[in-house]
N, C-alpha and C. Protein backbone atom coordinates (compact mmCIF):
# COMPACT_ATOMS: atom_id res chain seq x y z
N MET A 1 -15.77 15.44 7.76
CA MET A 1 -14.65 14.53 7.61
C MET A 1 -13.47 15.31 7.03
N ASP A 2 -12.31 15.14 7.61
CA ASP A 2 -11.11 15.81 7.12
C ASP A 2 -10.54 15.10 5.92
N LYS A 3 -9.98 15.88 5.00
CA LYS A 3 -9.29 15.29 3.85
C LYS A 3 -7.84 15.04 4.24
N VAL A 4 -7.31 13.91 3.78
CA VAL A 4 -5.92 13.55 4.06
C VAL A 4 -5.18 13.59 2.74
N PRO A 5 -4.27 14.56 2.55
CA PRO A 5 -3.52 14.60 1.30
C PRO A 5 -2.53 13.43 1.22
N ILE A 6 -2.42 12.86 0.04
CA ILE A 6 -1.50 11.74 -0.19
C ILE A 6 -0.46 12.19 -1.20
N LYS A 7 0.81 12.12 -0.82
CA LYS A 7 1.90 12.46 -1.72
C LYS A 7 2.44 11.18 -2.35
N GLN A 8 2.76 11.25 -3.63
CA GLN A 8 3.32 10.09 -4.31
C GLN A 8 4.73 10.41 -4.79
N ASN A 9 5.65 9.50 -4.53
CA ASN A 9 7.03 9.64 -4.98
C ASN A 9 7.46 8.37 -5.68
N ARG A 10 8.19 8.53 -6.76
CA ARG A 10 8.77 7.37 -7.44
C ARG A 10 10.09 7.07 -6.74
N VAL A 11 10.24 5.83 -6.26
CA VAL A 11 11.44 5.44 -5.52
C VAL A 11 12.51 4.95 -6.49
N GLN A 12 12.13 4.06 -7.38
CA GLN A 12 12.99 3.61 -8.45
C GLN A 12 12.15 3.62 -9.71
N LEU A 13 12.65 3.09 -10.78
CA LEU A 13 11.94 3.16 -12.04
C LEU A 13 10.53 2.60 -11.96
N ILE A 14 10.32 1.50 -11.25
CA ILE A 14 9.00 0.89 -11.22
C ILE A 14 8.45 0.72 -9.81
N GLU A 15 9.01 1.43 -8.85
CA GLU A 15 8.50 1.38 -7.48
C GLU A 15 7.96 2.75 -7.11
N LYS A 16 6.89 2.76 -6.32
CA LYS A 16 6.28 4.02 -5.89
C LYS A 16 5.99 3.97 -4.41
N VAL A 17 5.98 5.15 -3.80
CA VAL A 17 5.62 5.29 -2.39
C VAL A 17 4.57 6.38 -2.28
N GLN A 18 3.48 6.07 -1.58
CA GLN A 18 2.48 7.06 -1.25
C GLN A 18 2.61 7.32 0.24
N SER A 19 2.59 8.58 0.66
CA SER A 19 2.70 8.88 2.08
C SER A 19 1.60 9.86 2.48
N PHE A 20 1.17 9.71 3.74
CA PHE A 20 0.13 10.57 4.27
C PHE A 20 0.23 10.55 5.79
N SER A 21 -0.37 11.56 6.43
CA SER A 21 -0.35 11.66 7.89
C SER A 21 -1.77 11.61 8.43
N ILE A 22 -1.95 10.86 9.51
CA ILE A 22 -3.21 10.81 10.24
C ILE A 22 -2.88 10.93 11.72
N ASN A 23 -3.46 11.91 12.37
CA ASN A 23 -3.26 12.14 13.81
C ASN A 23 -1.78 12.20 14.19
N GLY A 24 -0.98 12.81 13.36
CA GLY A 24 0.44 12.98 13.64
C GLY A 24 1.32 11.80 13.28
N ASP A 25 0.73 10.68 12.86
CA ASP A 25 1.51 9.52 12.44
C ASP A 25 1.70 9.57 10.92
N VAL A 26 2.90 9.23 10.47
CA VAL A 26 3.21 9.22 9.04
C VAL A 26 3.10 7.79 8.51
N TYR A 27 2.20 7.60 7.56
CA TYR A 27 1.99 6.31 6.91
C TYR A 27 2.66 6.33 5.55
N LYS A 28 3.25 5.21 5.16
CA LYS A 28 3.84 5.07 3.83
C LYS A 28 3.42 3.73 3.25
N PHE A 29 2.87 3.77 2.04
CA PHE A 29 2.54 2.56 1.31
C PHE A 29 3.49 2.48 0.13
N GLU A 30 4.28 1.42 0.08
CA GLU A 30 5.26 1.25 -1.00
C GLU A 30 4.90 0.01 -1.81
N LYS A 31 4.81 0.19 -3.11
CA LYS A 31 4.58 -0.96 -3.98
C LYS A 31 5.87 -1.24 -4.74
N ASP A 32 6.06 -2.50 -5.10
CA ASP A 32 7.29 -2.85 -5.81
C ASP A 32 6.98 -3.47 -7.16
N TYR A 33 8.02 -3.89 -7.85
CA TYR A 33 7.90 -4.42 -9.21
C TYR A 33 7.04 -5.69 -9.28
N SER A 34 6.87 -6.40 -8.18
CA SER A 34 6.11 -7.65 -8.18
C SER A 34 4.64 -7.43 -7.84
N TYR A 35 4.23 -6.16 -7.79
CA TYR A 35 2.85 -5.79 -7.44
C TYR A 35 2.49 -6.23 -6.03
N SER A 36 3.48 -6.18 -5.16
CA SER A 36 3.27 -6.39 -3.73
C SER A 36 3.40 -5.04 -3.04
N GLY A 37 2.96 -4.96 -1.80
CA GLY A 37 3.04 -3.69 -1.11
C GLY A 37 3.36 -3.85 0.36
N THR A 38 3.91 -2.79 0.93
CA THR A 38 4.24 -2.72 2.35
C THR A 38 3.66 -1.43 2.91
N LEU A 39 3.03 -1.52 4.07
CA LEU A 39 2.52 -0.34 4.75
C LEU A 39 3.33 -0.14 6.02
N LYS A 40 3.81 1.09 6.21
CA LYS A 40 4.59 1.43 7.40
C LYS A 40 3.94 2.61 8.10
N ILE A 41 4.08 2.63 9.42
CA ILE A 41 3.69 3.79 10.21
C ILE A 41 4.92 4.24 10.96
N ASN A 42 5.30 5.50 10.76
CA ASN A 42 6.51 6.05 11.38
C ASN A 42 7.71 5.13 11.16
N ASP A 43 7.85 4.62 9.93
CA ASP A 43 8.93 3.75 9.49
C ASP A 43 8.94 2.36 10.13
N ASN A 44 7.85 1.94 10.77
CA ASN A 44 7.71 0.58 11.30
C ASN A 44 6.72 -0.18 10.44
N LYS A 45 7.14 -1.33 9.92
CA LYS A 45 6.28 -2.13 9.06
C LYS A 45 5.09 -2.65 9.86
N ILE A 46 3.87 -2.39 9.34
CA ILE A 46 2.67 -2.85 10.03
C ILE A 46 1.82 -3.77 9.18
N ALA A 47 2.12 -3.86 7.87
CA ALA A 47 1.33 -4.76 7.02
C ALA A 47 2.05 -4.99 5.70
N ILE A 48 1.79 -6.18 5.13
CA ILE A 48 2.26 -6.48 3.78
C ILE A 48 1.09 -7.08 3.01
N ILE A 49 1.15 -6.91 1.70
CA ILE A 49 0.12 -7.47 0.83
C ILE A 49 0.81 -8.01 -0.41
N ARG A 50 0.38 -9.19 -0.84
CA ARG A 50 1.00 -9.83 -2.01
C ARG A 50 -0.08 -10.29 -2.97
N ASN A 51 0.18 -10.11 -4.24
CA ASN A 51 -0.68 -10.60 -5.31
C ASN A 51 -0.28 -12.05 -5.55
N LEU A 52 -1.17 -12.98 -5.26
CA LEU A 52 -0.84 -14.41 -5.40
C LEU A 52 -0.98 -14.91 -6.84
N ASP A 53 -1.63 -14.12 -7.69
CA ASP A 53 -1.84 -14.55 -9.07
C ASP A 53 -0.72 -14.09 -10.01
N ASN A 54 0.22 -13.30 -9.50
CA ASN A 54 1.36 -12.81 -10.30
C ASN A 54 0.92 -12.16 -11.61
N THR A 55 -0.09 -11.33 -11.53
CA THR A 55 -0.54 -10.59 -12.71
C THR A 55 -0.34 -9.11 -12.48
N ASN A 56 -0.24 -8.37 -13.55
CA ASN A 56 -0.06 -6.93 -13.42
C ASN A 56 -1.29 -6.18 -13.92
N ILE A 57 -2.42 -6.82 -13.88
CA ILE A 57 -3.67 -6.16 -14.23
C ILE A 57 -4.63 -6.26 -13.05
N ASN A 58 -5.63 -5.43 -13.02
CA ASN A 58 -6.51 -5.36 -11.87
C ASN A 58 -7.60 -6.42 -11.93
N LEU A 59 -7.24 -7.66 -12.23
CA LEU A 59 -8.19 -8.76 -12.28
C LEU A 59 -7.87 -9.85 -11.26
N THR A 60 -6.88 -9.63 -10.44
CA THR A 60 -6.50 -10.66 -9.48
C THR A 60 -7.63 -10.91 -8.48
N GLN A 61 -7.83 -12.14 -8.15
CA GLN A 61 -8.84 -12.50 -7.17
C GLN A 61 -8.21 -12.96 -5.87
N ARG A 62 -6.90 -13.20 -5.89
CA ARG A 62 -6.26 -13.75 -4.70
C ARG A 62 -5.12 -12.84 -4.25
N ILE A 63 -5.24 -12.34 -3.02
CA ILE A 63 -4.17 -11.58 -2.40
C ILE A 63 -3.97 -12.13 -0.99
N ARG A 64 -2.79 -11.91 -0.47
CA ARG A 64 -2.49 -12.32 0.90
C ARG A 64 -2.13 -11.07 1.69
N ILE A 65 -2.78 -10.90 2.82
CA ILE A 65 -2.53 -9.75 3.68
C ILE A 65 -2.07 -10.24 5.05
N GLU A 66 -0.98 -9.65 5.54
CA GLU A 66 -0.51 -9.87 6.90
C GLU A 66 -0.44 -8.49 7.55
N ALA A 67 -1.18 -8.30 8.63
CA ALA A 67 -1.25 -6.99 9.27
C ALA A 67 -1.36 -7.14 10.79
N ILE A 68 -1.09 -6.04 11.48
CA ILE A 68 -1.11 -6.07 12.95
C ILE A 68 -2.53 -6.13 13.50
N ASN A 69 -3.53 -5.71 12.71
CA ASN A 69 -4.93 -5.82 13.14
C ASN A 69 -5.85 -5.67 11.92
N ASP A 70 -7.14 -5.85 12.14
CA ASP A 70 -8.11 -5.81 11.04
C ASP A 70 -8.21 -4.43 10.40
N ASP A 71 -8.09 -3.36 11.20
CA ASP A 71 -8.17 -2.01 10.64
C ASP A 71 -7.02 -1.75 9.68
N ILE A 72 -5.82 -2.18 10.06
CA ILE A 72 -4.65 -1.99 9.21
C ILE A 72 -4.76 -2.88 7.97
N ALA A 73 -5.30 -4.08 8.11
CA ALA A 73 -5.52 -4.95 6.95
C ALA A 73 -6.46 -4.29 5.95
N SER A 74 -7.51 -3.65 6.46
CA SER A 74 -8.44 -2.94 5.58
C SER A 74 -7.76 -1.77 4.89
N LEU A 75 -6.94 -1.04 5.63
CA LEU A 75 -6.25 0.12 5.07
C LEU A 75 -5.30 -0.30 3.95
N ILE A 76 -4.50 -1.35 4.16
CA ILE A 76 -3.57 -1.76 3.11
C ILE A 76 -4.33 -2.31 1.90
N ALA A 77 -5.46 -2.94 2.12
CA ALA A 77 -6.26 -3.44 1.00
C ALA A 77 -6.76 -2.28 0.14
N VAL A 78 -7.21 -1.20 0.78
CA VAL A 78 -7.66 -0.02 0.04
C VAL A 78 -6.50 0.62 -0.70
N MET A 79 -5.36 0.77 -0.03
CA MET A 79 -4.19 1.36 -0.67
C MET A 79 -3.76 0.52 -1.87
N TYR A 80 -3.78 -0.78 -1.72
CA TYR A 80 -3.39 -1.70 -2.79
C TYR A 80 -4.31 -1.53 -4.00
N GLN A 81 -5.59 -1.56 -3.78
CA GLN A 81 -6.53 -1.44 -4.90
C GLN A 81 -6.47 -0.06 -5.52
N THR A 82 -6.15 0.95 -4.75
CA THR A 82 -6.11 2.31 -5.25
C THR A 82 -4.83 2.63 -6.02
N PHE A 83 -3.69 2.12 -5.55
CA PHE A 83 -2.42 2.57 -6.10
C PHE A 83 -1.58 1.53 -6.81
N VAL A 84 -1.73 0.27 -6.57
CA VAL A 84 -0.83 -0.71 -7.16
C VAL A 84 -0.93 -0.75 -8.68
N PHE A 85 -2.10 -0.64 -9.21
CA PHE A 85 -2.26 -0.78 -10.64
C PHE A 85 -2.21 0.53 -11.39
N GLU A 86 -1.95 1.60 -10.66
CA GLU A 86 -1.81 2.90 -11.28
C GLU A 86 -0.48 2.97 -12.03
N LYS A 87 -0.50 3.48 -13.20
CA LYS A 87 0.74 3.59 -14.00
C LYS A 87 1.55 4.79 -13.57
């Protein structure tokens, strides 16, 4: 299995973007101050995720995902759990 390096950039004071490439496509996961996230591929939005409990700790049980397919929904869920609560 190939390793995919993920670069993290701070966009504003409390927003972050993680970017990575798979098969020549550039993916970007951006989280914002409301603990929501957007996933883009080659700068086209393909999924969003929102914390419905409005908490900033990793105890939320309710999130809403809108994605172009189940694979992308799974990917944004992993990105969300991995990076949203990171300081």
